[in-house]
Amino acid sequence: MSVIRAFIAIDLPPDVQDCLEQVSEQLKTELGEKSVRWVPVANIHLTLKFLGDVSVNNLDVLKEIIGAEAALQKPMEFSIGRIGAYPKSRRPRVIWVGVEAPPELITLQRGIEARTAKVGYPQDTRKFSPHLTLGRVSRNASPDEVREIGEVISNSKVGFLGAARVQDIHLFKSDLKPSGAVYTKIFSAPLGIA
């Protein structure tokens, strides 16, 4: 049985990617060679559902789910800004830029979560917290490095970076390579085509 790693997400427009590139470069400059694995800006997206390992036999069912949920929502916009870290700035593991999600985006994500759970994909136990991941702090980072990364994030002032118009959602496959993850779009569904 053939299996791929997959997730459902929203792409970002080039102008937002450019702003994220500037923020990322600024942080890299401030942090130097600290233990952060930076996400290439071309790979930054808004994840709606991480599926993990998916049998290629399930792809048609997932495409139906994505198409049905997308059809229920009209195109929408979300704004992007602020910087932070999970689980918190003092103990950063994930460095992110925030997303101000309209209610329709939350509804879309919940619908995808519920429908994929019905076909066997585990529901996320954490509440959906829309964000764009800029980088991940290495598990090998020393306590001093983690503290310094946290201080830089806490002191960084990132305001409004732009807005993204959502017109479709995508199913991506993720191939893990030594150079990092490579994402390939394997299906797209437009919003509001009921």
Protein backbone atom coordinates (compact mmCIF):
# COMPACT_ATOMS: atom_id res chain seq x y z
CA MET A 1 0.00 0.00 0.00
CA SER A 2 1.41 3.39 -1.01
CA VAL A 3 1.38 6.17 1.60
CA ILE A 4 2.13 9.91 1.46
CA ARG A 5 2.42 12.57 4.16
CA ALA A 6 -0.30 15.14 3.57
CA PHE A 7 -1.98 18.27 4.89
CA ILE A 8 -4.76 20.69 3.94
CA ALA A 9 -3.76 24.36 3.74
CA ILE A 10 -4.18 27.83 2.27
CA ASP A 11 -1.50 29.39 0.06
CA LEU A 12 -0.21 32.92 0.65
CA PRO A 13 0.01 35.64 -2.01
CA PRO A 14 3.47 36.82 -3.15
CA ASP A 15 3.21 40.23 -1.40
CA VAL A 16 2.58 38.52 1.96
CA GLN A 17 5.45 36.10 1.29
CA ASP A 18 7.70 39.12 0.65
CA CYS A 19 6.74 40.63 4.02
CA LEU A 20 7.36 37.29 5.77
CA GLU A 21 10.77 37.09 4.06
CA GLN A 22 11.69 40.51 5.52
CA VAL A 23 10.62 39.48 9.04
CA SER A 24 12.46 36.17 8.74
CA GLU A 25 15.65 37.87 7.50
CA GLN A 26 15.49 40.42 10.32
CA LEU A 27 15.22 37.63 12.91
CA LYS A 28 18.07 35.68 11.29
CA THR A 29 20.24 38.81 11.49
CA GLU A 30 19.40 39.37 15.16
CA LEU A 31 19.83 35.73 16.16
CA GLY A 32 22.94 34.94 14.14
CA GLU A 33 23.67 31.22 14.08
CA LYS A 34 21.31 30.27 16.89
CA SER A 35 19.61 26.87 16.75
CA VAL A 36 16.58 27.71 14.59
CA ARG A 37 15.51 25.77 11.50
CA TRP A 38 13.94 28.47 9.35
CA VAL A 39 11.04 27.57 7.05
CA PRO A 40 11.69 28.63 3.44
CA VAL A 41 9.16 31.38 2.71
CA ALA A 42 7.86 29.48 -0.33
CA ASN A 43 6.82 26.71 2.11
CA ILE A 44 4.93 28.97 4.52
CA HIS A 45 1.17 28.43 4.37
CA LEU A 46 -1.83 28.43 6.71
CA THR A 47 -2.43 24.82 7.74
CA LEU A 48 -6.07 23.87 8.23
CA LYS A 49 -5.47 20.18 8.95
CA PHE A 50 -2.32 18.08 9.21
CA LEU A 51 -3.28 14.59 8.09
CA GLY A 52 0.02 12.76 8.50
CA ASP A 53 0.37 9.47 6.65
CA VAL A 54 -2.39 9.04 4.06
CA SER A 55 -3.03 5.99 1.90
CA VAL A 56 -3.20 6.96 -1.76
CA ASN A 57 -6.44 4.94 -1.80
CA ASN A 58 -7.97 7.65 0.48
CA LEU A 59 -7.09 10.58 -1.77
CA ASP A 60 -10.45 10.60 -3.60
CA VAL A 61 -12.34 10.71 -0.28
CA LEU A 62 -10.14 13.59 0.94
CA LYS A 63 -10.69 15.47 -2.33
CA GLU A 64 -14.48 15.08 -1.88
CA ILE A 65 -14.25 16.38 1.70
CA ILE A 66 -12.14 19.38 0.70
CA GLY A 67 -14.41 20.19 -2.25
CA ALA A 68 -17.58 19.92 -0.15
CA GLU A 69 -16.24 22.13 2.67
CA ALA A 70 -14.80 24.69 0.25
CA ALA A 71 -18.15 24.96 -1.52
CA LEU A 72 -19.84 26.00 1.75
CA GLN A 73 -17.68 29.12 2.22
CA LYS A 74 -17.43 32.29 0.18
CA PRO A 75 -13.98 33.72 -0.63
CA MET A 76 -12.63 35.58 2.41
CA GLU A 77 -9.68 37.59 3.69
CA PHE A 78 -7.50 37.34 6.75
CA SER A 79 -4.90 39.78 8.01
CA ILE A 80 -1.38 38.89 9.05
CA GLY A 81 0.78 40.49 11.73
CA ARG A 82 2.32 40.15 15.22
CA ILE A 83 5.08 37.75 16.11
CA GLY A 84 5.18 35.16 18.86
CA ALA A 85 6.22 31.67 19.85
CA TYR A 86 4.69 28.42 21.02
CA PRO A 87 4.35 27.27 23.71
CA LYS A 88 5.39 30.77 24.89
CA SER A 89 8.04 33.40 24.19
CA ARG A 90 10.08 32.45 27.25
CA ARG A 91 10.30 28.84 26.05
CA PRO A 92 10.05 29.06 22.26
CA ARG A 93 9.80 25.93 20.14
CA VAL A 94 7.89 27.39 17.16
CA ILE A 95 8.34 30.99 15.97
CA TRP A 96 5.23 32.30 14.22
CA VAL A 97 3.48 35.28 12.67
CA GLY A 98 -0.16 35.66 13.69
CA VAL A 99 -3.30 35.44 11.60
CA GLU A 100 -6.48 37.38 12.39
CA ALA A 101 -9.02 34.81 11.29
CA PRO A 102 -12.56 35.78 10.29
CA PRO A 103 -15.35 33.52 11.63
CA GLU A 104 -15.69 31.91 8.17
CA LEU A 105 -12.10 30.64 8.35
CA ILE A 106 -12.75 29.04 11.75
CA THR A 107 -15.95 27.46 10.36
CA LEU A 108 -14.02 26.11 7.35
CA GLN A 109 -11.32 24.59 9.56
CA ARG A 110 -13.87 23.02 11.92
CA GLY A 111 -15.77 21.52 9.01
CA ILE A 112 -12.60 19.96 7.59
CA GLU A 113 -11.65 18.69 11.06
CA ALA A 114 -15.08 17.09 11.59
CA ARG A 115 -15.31 15.49 8.13
CA THR A 116 -11.78 14.07 8.20
CA ALA A 117 -12.44 12.64 11.70
CA LYS A 118 -15.44 10.74 10.29
CA VAL A 119 -13.14 8.92 7.87
CA GLY A 120 -10.53 8.04 10.48
CA TYR A 121 -8.11 10.97 10.79
CA PRO A 122 -7.66 11.88 14.48
CA GLN A 123 -9.06 15.21 15.59
CA ASP A 124 -6.52 17.73 16.80
CA THR A 125 -6.77 17.98 20.57
CA ARG A 126 -5.58 21.61 20.54
CA LYS A 127 -7.88 24.47 19.65
CA PHE A 128 -7.24 25.82 16.14
CA SER A 129 -4.83 28.73 16.46
CA PRO A 130 -4.17 30.09 12.97
CA HIS A 131 -0.54 31.09 12.48
CA LEU A 132 2.29 31.04 9.94
CA THR A 133 5.38 29.16 11.10
CA LEU A 134 8.64 31.04 10.42
CA GLY A 135 10.98 28.63 12.19
CA ARG A 136 11.42 25.87 14.74
CA VAL A 137 13.89 25.97 17.61
CA SER A 138 16.15 22.91 17.62
CA ARG A 139 15.71 20.42 20.43
CA ASN A 140 19.50 20.58 20.76
CA ALA A 141 19.46 24.31 21.55
CA SER A 142 21.12 25.13 24.86
CA PRO A 143 19.05 26.79 27.61
CA ASP A 144 21.00 30.02 26.98
CA GLU A 145 20.16 29.91 23.26
CA VAL A 146 16.49 29.24 23.98
CA ARG A 147 16.40 32.18 26.41
CA GLU A 148 18.12 34.49 23.92
CA ILE A 149 15.76 33.42 21.10
CA GLY A 150 12.82 34.11 23.43
CA GLU A 151 14.15 37.57 24.29
CA VAL A 152 14.60 38.49 20.62
CA ILE A 153 11.03 37.36 19.85
CA SER A 154 9.61 39.21 22.86
CA ASN A 155 11.41 42.41 21.83
CA SER A 156 10.54 42.18 18.13
CA LYS A 157 7.81 44.54 17.05
CA VAL A 158 5.93 43.26 14.03
CA GLY A 159 2.77 45.11 13.09
CA PHE A 160 0.31 44.53 10.26
CA LEU A 161 2.05 42.78 7.35
CA GLY A 162 -0.80 42.48 4.89
CA ALA A 163 -3.94 40.60 4.01
CA ALA A 164 -4.45 37.35 2.18
CA ARG A 165 -7.53 36.70 0.09
CA VAL A 166 -8.61 33.07 0.29
CA GLN A 167 -10.19 31.82 -2.91
CA ASP A 168 -9.33 28.14 -2.65
CA ILE A 169 -7.88 25.49 -0.36
CA HIS A 170 -5.36 22.82 -1.22
CA LEU A 171 -4.30 19.29 -0.43
CA PHE A 172 -0.51 19.08 -0.29
CA LYS A 173 1.84 16.15 -0.07
CA SER A 174 5.03 16.61 1.92
CA ASP A 175 8.24 14.85 0.95
CA LEU A 176 10.94 15.01 3.63
CA LYS A 177 14.36 15.47 2.02
CA PRO A 178 17.77 16.01 3.64
CA SER A 179 17.55 19.65 2.49
CA GLY A 180 14.09 20.07 4.09
CA ALA A 181 10.46 19.42 3.25
CA VAL A 182 9.23 19.73 -0.33
CA TYR A 183 5.50 20.48 -0.67
CA THR A 184 3.54 19.58 -3.77
CA LYS A 185 -0.05 20.64 -4.40
CA ILE A 186 -2.07 17.59 -5.43
CA PHE A 187 -5.60 19.00 -5.34
CA SER A 188 -7.28 22.42 -5.10
CA ALA A 189 -10.90 23.34 -4.43
CA PRO A 190 -12.35 26.83 -4.99
CA LEU A 191 -14.41 28.45 -2.26
CA GLY A 192 -18.07 29.20 -2.80
CA ILE A 193 -18.79 26.90 -5.74
CA ALA A 194 -21.88 25.18 -4.33
